[in-house]
Amino acid sequence: MKKMSSRKLVSVMLFYNLIAMFISGIVLYIMPHGRVAYWTGWTFLGLSKDDWDGLHTIFGFLMLIFGIW
């Protein structure tokens, strides 16, 4: 089995992070804003507003780390 080069690994990880940030960004854009999301108990794919916000932040940090690498 071939070993993946560092450049290929970074490119693949940046691509996956881009997809995750794109999806979570769209969800955060279309979700109810502010207290409405909390009052109604809004969820999408089983994740609340805070969960989506956390995912978006984590993938943003990962993208930053892989981009610097």
PDB file of N, CA and C in Angstrom:
ATOM      1  N   MET A   1       0.835  -1.174   0.000  1.00  0.00           N
ATOM      2  CA  MET A   1       0.000   0.000   0.000  1.00  0.00           C
ATOM      3  C   MET A   1       0.886   1.246   0.000  1.00  0.00           C
ATOM      4  N   LYS A   2       0.536   2.208  -0.840  1.00  0.00           N
ATOM      5  CA  LYS A   2       1.322   3.439  -0.943  1.00  0.00           C
ATOM      6  C   LYS A   2       1.082   4.338   0.263  1.00  0.00           C
ATOM      7  N   LYS A   3       2.119   5.040   0.642  1.00  0.00           N
ATOM      8  CA  LYS A   3       2.028   6.013   1.727  1.00  0.00           C
ATOM      9  C   LYS A   3       1.624   7.363   1.145  1.00  0.00           C
ATOM     10  N   MET A   4       0.663   8.025   1.791  1.00  0.00           N
ATOM     11  CA  MET A   4       0.180   9.326   1.315  1.00  0.00           C
ATOM     12  C   MET A   4       1.165  10.416   1.724  1.00  0.00           C
ATOM     13  N   SER A   5       1.506  11.271   0.786  1.00  0.00           N
ATOM     14  CA  SER A   5       2.436  12.355   1.096  1.00  0.00           C
ATOM     15  C   SER A   5       1.751  13.391   1.982  1.00  0.00           C
ATOM     16  N   SER A   6       2.559  14.190   2.642  1.00  0.00           N
ATOM     17  CA  SER A   6       2.044  15.215   3.543  1.00  0.00           C
ATOM     18  C   SER A   6       1.197  16.237   2.790  1.00  0.00           C
ATOM     19  N   ARG A   7       1.622  16.590   1.589  1.00  0.00           N
ATOM     20  CA  ARG A   7       0.892  17.579   0.783  1.00  0.00           C
ATOM     21  C   ARG A   7      -0.489  17.049   0.402  1.00  0.00           C
ATOM     22  N   LYS A   8      -0.570  15.763   0.043  1.00  0.00           N
ATOM     23  CA  LYS A   8      -1.861  15.169  -0.320  1.00  0.00           C
ATOM     24  C   LYS A   8      -2.779  15.092   0.890  1.00  0.00           C
ATOM     25  N   LEU A   9      -2.211  14.721   2.046  1.00  0.00           N
ATOM     26  CA  LEU A   9      -3.014  14.637   3.269  1.00  0.00           C
ATOM     27  C   LEU A   9      -3.604  16.001   3.622  1.00  0.00           C
ATOM     28  N   VAL A  10      -2.791  17.032   3.555  1.00  0.00           N
ATOM     29  CA  VAL A  10      -3.268  18.384   3.872  1.00  0.00           C
ATOM     30  C   VAL A  10      -4.356  18.809   2.890  1.00  0.00           C
ATOM     31  N   SER A  11      -4.167  18.503   1.612  1.00  0.00           N
ATOM     32  CA  SER A  11      -5.168  18.871   0.602  1.00  0.00           C
ATOM     33  C   SER A  11      -6.490  18.163   0.844  1.00  0.00           C
ATOM     34  N   VAL A  12      -6.437  16.884   1.162  1.00  0.00           N
ATOM     35  CA  VAL A  12      -7.661  16.112   1.419  1.00  0.00           C
ATOM     36  C   VAL A  12      -8.357  16.631   2.670  1.00  0.00           C
ATOM     37  N   MET A  13      -7.589  16.899   3.725  1.00  0.00           N
ATOM     38  CA  MET A  13      -8.187  17.388   4.965  1.00  0.00           C
ATOM     39  C   MET A  13      -8.788  18.783   4.776  1.00  0.00           C
ATOM     40  N   LEU A  14      -8.121  19.643   4.021  1.00  0.00           N
ATOM     41  CA  LEU A  14      -8.681  20.970   3.749  1.00  0.00           C
ATOM     42  C   LEU A  14      -9.981  20.856   2.952  1.00  0.00           C
ATOM     43  N   PHE A  15     -10.022  19.923   2.019  1.00  0.00           N
ATOM     44  CA  PHE A  15     -11.239  19.719   1.226  1.00  0.00           C
ATOM     45  C   PHE A  15     -12.395  19.253   2.110  1.00  0.00           C
ATOM     46  N   TYR A  16     -12.153  18.256   2.973  1.00  0.00           N
ATOM     47  CA  TYR A  16     -13.213  17.761   3.864  1.00  0.00           C
ATOM     48  C   TYR A  16     -13.665  18.844   4.852  1.00  0.00           C
ATOM     49  N   ASN A  17     -12.719  19.621   5.345  1.00  0.00           N
ATOM     50  CA  ASN A  17     -13.088  20.718   6.243  1.00  0.00           C
ATOM     51  C   ASN A  17     -13.900  21.777   5.515  1.00  0.00           C
ATOM     52  N   LEU A  18     -13.562  22.040   4.257  1.00  0.00           N
ATOM     53  CA  LEU A  18     -14.326  23.001   3.464  1.00  0.00           C
ATOM     54  C   LEU A  18     -15.770  22.533   3.301  1.00  0.00           C
ATOM     55  N   ILE A  19     -15.964  21.256   3.004  1.00  0.00           N
ATOM     56  CA  ILE A  19     -17.314  20.703   2.849  1.00  0.00           C
ATOM     57  C   ILE A  19     -18.083  20.820   4.163  1.00  0.00           C
ATOM     58  N   ALA A  20     -17.438  20.454   5.273  1.00  0.00           N
ATOM     59  CA  ALA A  20     -18.102  20.521   6.583  1.00  0.00           C
ATOM     60  C   ALA A  20     -18.452  21.960   6.950  1.00  0.00           C
ATOM     61  N   MET A  21     -17.548  22.895   6.674  1.00  0.00           N
ATOM     62  CA  MET A  21     -17.822  24.300   6.981  1.00  0.00           C
ATOM     63  C   MET A  21     -18.918  24.852   6.078  1.00  0.00           C
ATOM     64  N   PHE A  22     -18.949  24.427   4.829  1.00  0.00           N
ATOM     65  CA  PHE A  22     -19.981  24.864   3.896  1.00  0.00           C
ATOM     66  C   PHE A  22     -21.359  24.404   4.363  1.00  0.00           C
ATOM     67  N   ILE A  23     -21.474  23.132   4.742  1.00  0.00           N
ATOM     68  CA  ILE A  23     -22.762  22.589   5.193  1.00  0.00           C
ATOM     69  C   ILE A  23     -23.195  23.239   6.498  1.00  0.00           C
ATOM     70  N   SER A  24     -22.292  23.322   7.463  1.00  0.00           N
ATOM     71  CA  SER A  24     -22.669  23.922   8.744  1.00  0.00           C
ATOM     72  C   SER A  24     -22.965  25.411   8.588  1.00  0.00           C
ATOM     73  N   GLY A  25     -22.274  26.083   7.674  1.00  0.00           N
ATOM     74  CA  GLY A  25     -22.554  27.496   7.425  1.00  0.00           C
ATOM     75  C   GLY A  25     -23.935  27.712   6.836  1.00  0.00           C
ATOM     76  N   ILE A  26     -24.333  26.846   5.917  1.00  0.00           N
ATOM     77  CA  ILE A  26     -25.681  26.937   5.344  1.00  0.00           C
ATOM     78  C   ILE A  26     -26.733  26.690   6.415  1.00  0.00           C
ATOM     79  N   VAL A  27     -26.508  25.669   7.243  1.00  0.00           N
ATOM     80  CA  VAL A  27     -27.468  25.375   8.319  1.00  0.00           C
ATOM     81  C   VAL A  27     -27.571  26.550   9.273  1.00  0.00           C
ATOM     82  N   LEU A  28     -26.442  27.135   9.650  1.00  0.00           N
ATOM     83  CA  LEU A  28     -26.476  28.284  10.555  1.00  0.00           C
ATOM     84  C   LEU A  28     -27.140  29.496   9.911  1.00  0.00           C
ATOM     85  N   TYR A  29     -27.042  29.616   8.596  1.00  0.00           N
ATOM     86  CA  TYR A  29     -27.659  30.747   7.907  1.00  0.00           C
ATOM     87  C   TYR A  29     -29.182  30.612   7.843  1.00  0.00           C
ATOM     88  N   ILE A  30     -29.692  29.392   7.613  1.00  0.00           N
ATOM     89  CA  ILE A  30     -31.135  29.213   7.435  1.00  0.00           C
ATOM     90  C   ILE A  30     -31.869  28.943   8.740  1.00  0.00           C
ATOM     91  N   MET A  31     -31.168  28.687   9.806  1.00  0.00           N
ATOM     92  CA  MET A  31     -31.830  28.384  11.077  1.00  0.00           C
ATOM     93  C   MET A  31     -32.467  29.633  11.671  1.00  0.00           C
ATOM     94  N   PRO A  32     -33.456  29.437  12.544  1.00  0.00           N
ATOM     95  CA  PRO A  32     -34.035  30.606  13.224  1.00  0.00           C
ATOM     96  C   PRO A  32     -32.964  31.293  14.084  1.00  0.00           C
ATOM     97  N   HIS A  33     -32.987  32.601  14.093  1.00  0.00           N
ATOM     98  CA  HIS A  33     -31.958  33.354  14.803  1.00  0.00           C
ATOM     99  C   HIS A  33     -32.365  33.630  16.239  1.00  0.00           C
ATOM    100  N   GLY A  34     -31.351  33.825  17.059  1.00  0.00           N
ATOM    101  CA  GLY A  34     -31.541  34.258  18.430  1.00  0.00           C
ATOM    102  C   GLY A  34     -32.320  33.293  19.291  1.00  0.00           C
ATOM    103  N   ARG A  35     -33.188  33.858  20.087  1.00  0.00           N
ATOM    104  CA  ARG A  35     -33.936  33.070  21.063  1.00  0.00           C
ATOM    105  C   ARG A  35     -34.997  32.184  20.444  1.00  0.00           C
ATOM    106  N   VAL A  36     -35.404  32.486  19.229  1.00  0.00           N
ATOM    107  CA  VAL A  36     -36.438  31.680  18.567  1.00  0.00           C
ATOM    108  C   VAL A  36     -35.987  30.233  18.458  1.00  0.00           C
ATOM    109  N   ALA A  37     -34.741  30.005  18.119  1.00  0.00           N
ATOM    110  CA  ALA A  37     -34.207  28.645  17.997  1.00  0.00           C
ATOM    111  C   ALA A  37     -34.245  27.927  19.341  1.00  0.00           C
ATOM    112  N   TYR A  38     -33.992  28.650  20.416  1.00  0.00           N
ATOM    113  CA  TYR A  38     -34.015  28.042  21.746  1.00  0.00           C
ATOM    114  C   TYR A  38     -35.442  27.807  22.221  1.00  0.00           C
ATOM    115  N   TRP A  39     -36.329  28.764  22.005  1.00  0.00           N
ATOM    116  CA  TRP A  39     -37.714  28.641  22.459  1.00  0.00           C
ATOM    117  C   TRP A  39     -38.444  27.506  21.754  1.00  0.00           C
ATOM    118  N   THR A  40     -38.171  27.338  20.469  1.00  0.00           N
ATOM    119  CA  THR A  40     -38.876  26.307  19.706  1.00  0.00           C
ATOM    120  C   THR A  40     -38.194  24.950  19.804  1.00  0.00           C
ATOM    121  N   GLY A  41     -37.011  24.875  20.397  1.00  0.00           N
ATOM    122  CA  GLY A  41     -36.289  23.618  20.468  1.00  0.00           C
ATOM    123  C   GLY A  41     -35.813  23.160  19.098  1.00  0.00           C
ATOM    124  N   TRP A  42     -35.394  24.111  18.276  1.00  0.00           N
ATOM    125  CA  TRP A  42     -35.006  23.839  16.896  1.00  0.00           C
ATOM    126  C   TRP A  42     -33.839  22.873  16.826  1.00  0.00           C
ATOM    127  N   THR A  43     -33.987  21.843  15.989  1.00  0.00           N
ATOM    128  CA  THR A  43     -32.888  20.923  15.700  1.00  0.00           C
ATOM    129  C   THR A  43     -32.904  20.592  14.222  1.00  0.00           C
ATOM    130  N   PHE A  44     -31.757  20.202  13.708  1.00  0.00           N
ATOM    131  CA  PHE A  44     -31.629  19.735  12.329  1.00  0.00           C
ATOM    132  C   PHE A  44     -30.653  18.577  12.340  1.00  0.00           C
ATOM    133  N   LEU A  45     -31.100  17.449  11.836  1.00  0.00           N
ATOM    134  CA  LEU A  45     -30.328  16.205  11.856  1.00  0.00           C
ATOM    135  C   LEU A  45     -29.916  15.831  13.281  1.00  0.00           C
ATOM    136  N   GLY A  46     -30.781  16.152  14.236  1.00  0.00           N
ATOM    137  CA  GLY A  46     -30.543  15.803  15.631  1.00  0.00           C
ATOM    138  C   GLY A  46     -29.591  16.722  16.371  1.00  0.00           C
ATOM    139  N   LEU A  47     -29.161  17.808  15.736  1.00  0.00           N
ATOM    140  CA  LEU A  47     -28.231  18.738  16.365  1.00  0.00           C
ATOM    141  C   LEU A  47     -28.907  20.075  16.594  1.00  0.00           C
ATOM    142  N   SER A  48     -28.661  20.658  17.768  1.00  0.00           N
ATOM    143  CA  SER A  48     -29.248  21.954  18.115  1.00  0.00           C
ATOM    144  C   SER A  48     -28.409  23.088  17.535  1.00  0.00           C
ATOM    145  N   LYS A  49     -28.866  24.305  17.791  1.00  0.00           N
ATOM    146  CA  LYS A  49     -28.146  25.498  17.315  1.00  0.00           C
ATOM    147  C   LYS A  49     -26.739  25.533  17.885  1.00  0.00           C
ATOM    148  N   ASP A  50     -26.592  25.263  19.167  1.00  0.00           N
ATOM    149  CA  ASP A  50     -25.274  25.269  19.797  1.00  0.00           C
ATOM    150  C   ASP A  50     -24.371  24.180  19.219  1.00  0.00           C
ATOM    151  N   ASP A  51     -24.950  23.015  18.917  1.00  0.00           N
ATOM    152  CA  ASP A  51     -24.166  21.934  18.324  1.00  0.00           C
ATOM    153  C   ASP A  51     -23.627  22.320  16.951  1.00  0.00           C
ATOM    154  N   TRP A  52     -24.483  22.914  16.118  1.00  0.00           N
ATOM    155  CA  TRP A  52     -24.049  23.338  14.782  1.00  0.00           C
ATOM    156  C   TRP A  52     -22.997  24.429  14.877  1.00  0.00           C
ATOM    157  N   ASP A  53     -23.185  25.352  15.815  1.00  0.00           N
ATOM    158  CA  ASP A  53     -22.214  26.424  16.014  1.00  0.00           C
ATOM    159  C   ASP A  53     -20.868  25.848  16.457  1.00  0.00           C
ATOM    160  N   GLY A  54     -20.911  24.876  17.349  1.00  0.00           N
ATOM    161  CA  GLY A  54     -19.685  24.226  17.809  1.00  0.00           C
ATOM    162  C   GLY A  54     -18.971  23.484  16.688  1.00  0.00           C
ATOM    163  N   LEU A  55     -19.729  22.762  15.872  1.00  0.00           N
ATOM    164  CA  LEU A  55     -19.131  22.058  14.735  1.00  0.00           C
ATOM    165  C   LEU A  55     -18.469  23.033  13.763  1.00  0.00           C
ATOM    166  N   HIS A  56     -19.151  24.128  13.482  1.00  0.00           N
ATOM    167  CA  HIS A  56     -18.618  25.133  12.562  1.00  0.00           C
ATOM    168  C   HIS A  56     -17.302  25.705  13.100  1.00  0.00           C
ATOM    169  N   THR A  57     -17.264  25.957  14.391  1.00  0.00           N
ATOM    170  CA  THR A  57     -16.058  26.495  15.024  1.00  0.00           C
ATOM    171  C   THR A  57     -14.915  25.482  14.998  1.00  0.00           C
ATOM    172  N   ILE A  58     -15.207  24.229  15.332  1.00  0.00           N
ATOM    173  CA  ILE A  58     -14.173  23.189  15.349  1.00  0.00           C
ATOM    174  C   ILE A  58     -13.580  22.990  13.960  1.00  0.00           C
ATOM    175  N   PHE A  59     -14.448  22.892  12.946  1.00  0.00           N
ATOM    176  CA  PHE A  59     -13.931  22.709  11.593  1.00  0.00           C
ATOM    177  C   PHE A  59     -13.189  23.949  11.103  1.00  0.00           C
ATOM    178  N   GLY A  60     -13.572  25.119  11.583  1.00  0.00           N
ATOM    179  CA  GLY A  60     -12.831  26.328  11.247  1.00  0.00           C
ATOM    180  C   GLY A  60     -11.417  26.297  11.814  1.00  0.00           C
ATOM    181  N   PHE A  61     -11.291  25.870  13.079  1.00  0.00           N
ATOM    182  CA  PHE A  61      -9.962  25.754  13.677  1.00  0.00           C
ATOM    183  C   PHE A  61      -9.129  24.687  12.978  1.00  0.00           C
ATOM    184  N   LEU A  62      -9.765  23.548  12.634  1.00  0.00           N
ATOM    185  CA  LEU A  62      -9.045  22.503  11.915  1.00  0.00           C
ATOM    186  C   LEU A  62      -8.566  23.004  10.551  1.00  0.00           C
ATOM    187  N   MET A  63      -9.408  23.772   9.870  1.00  0.00           N
ATOM    188  CA  MET A  63      -9.015  24.313   8.575  1.00  0.00           C
ATOM    189  C   MET A  63      -7.827  25.265   8.737  1.00  0.00           C
ATOM    190  N   LEU A  64      -7.851  26.057   9.782  1.00  0.00           N
ATOM    191  CA  LEU A  64      -6.751  26.971  10.054  1.00  0.00           C
ATOM    192  C   LEU A  64      -5.465  26.200  10.330  1.00  0.00           C
ATOM    193  N   ILE A  65      -5.551  25.149  11.119  1.00  0.00           N
ATOM    194  CA  ILE A  65      -4.365  24.325  11.456  1.00  0.00           C
ATOM    195  C   ILE A  65      -3.797  23.662  10.202  1.00  0.00           C
ATOM    196  N   PHE A  66      -4.664  23.044   9.394  1.00  0.00           N
ATOM    197  CA  PHE A  66      -4.179  22.389   8.190  1.00  0.00           C
ATOM    198  C   PHE A  66      -3.686  23.399   7.158  1.00  0.00           C
ATOM    199  N   GLY A  67      -4.286  24.569   7.128  1.00  0.00           N
ATOM    200  CA  GLY A  67      -3.825  25.601   6.216  1.00  0.00           C
ATOM    201  C   GLY A  67      -2.432  26.104   6.574  1.00  0.00           C
ATOM    202  N   ILE A  68      -2.153  26.218   7.851  1.00  0.00           N
ATOM    203  CA  ILE A  68      -0.822  26.641   8.297  1.00  0.00           C
ATOM    204  C   ILE A  68       0.194  25.538   8.048  1.00  0.00           C
ATOM    205  N   TRP A  69      -0.224  24.283   8.236  1.00  0.00           N
ATOM    206  CA  TRP A  69       0.668  23.138   8.027  1.00  0.00           C
ATOM    207  C   TRP A  69       1.120  23.117   6.594  1.00  0.00           C
TER     208      TRP A  69
END
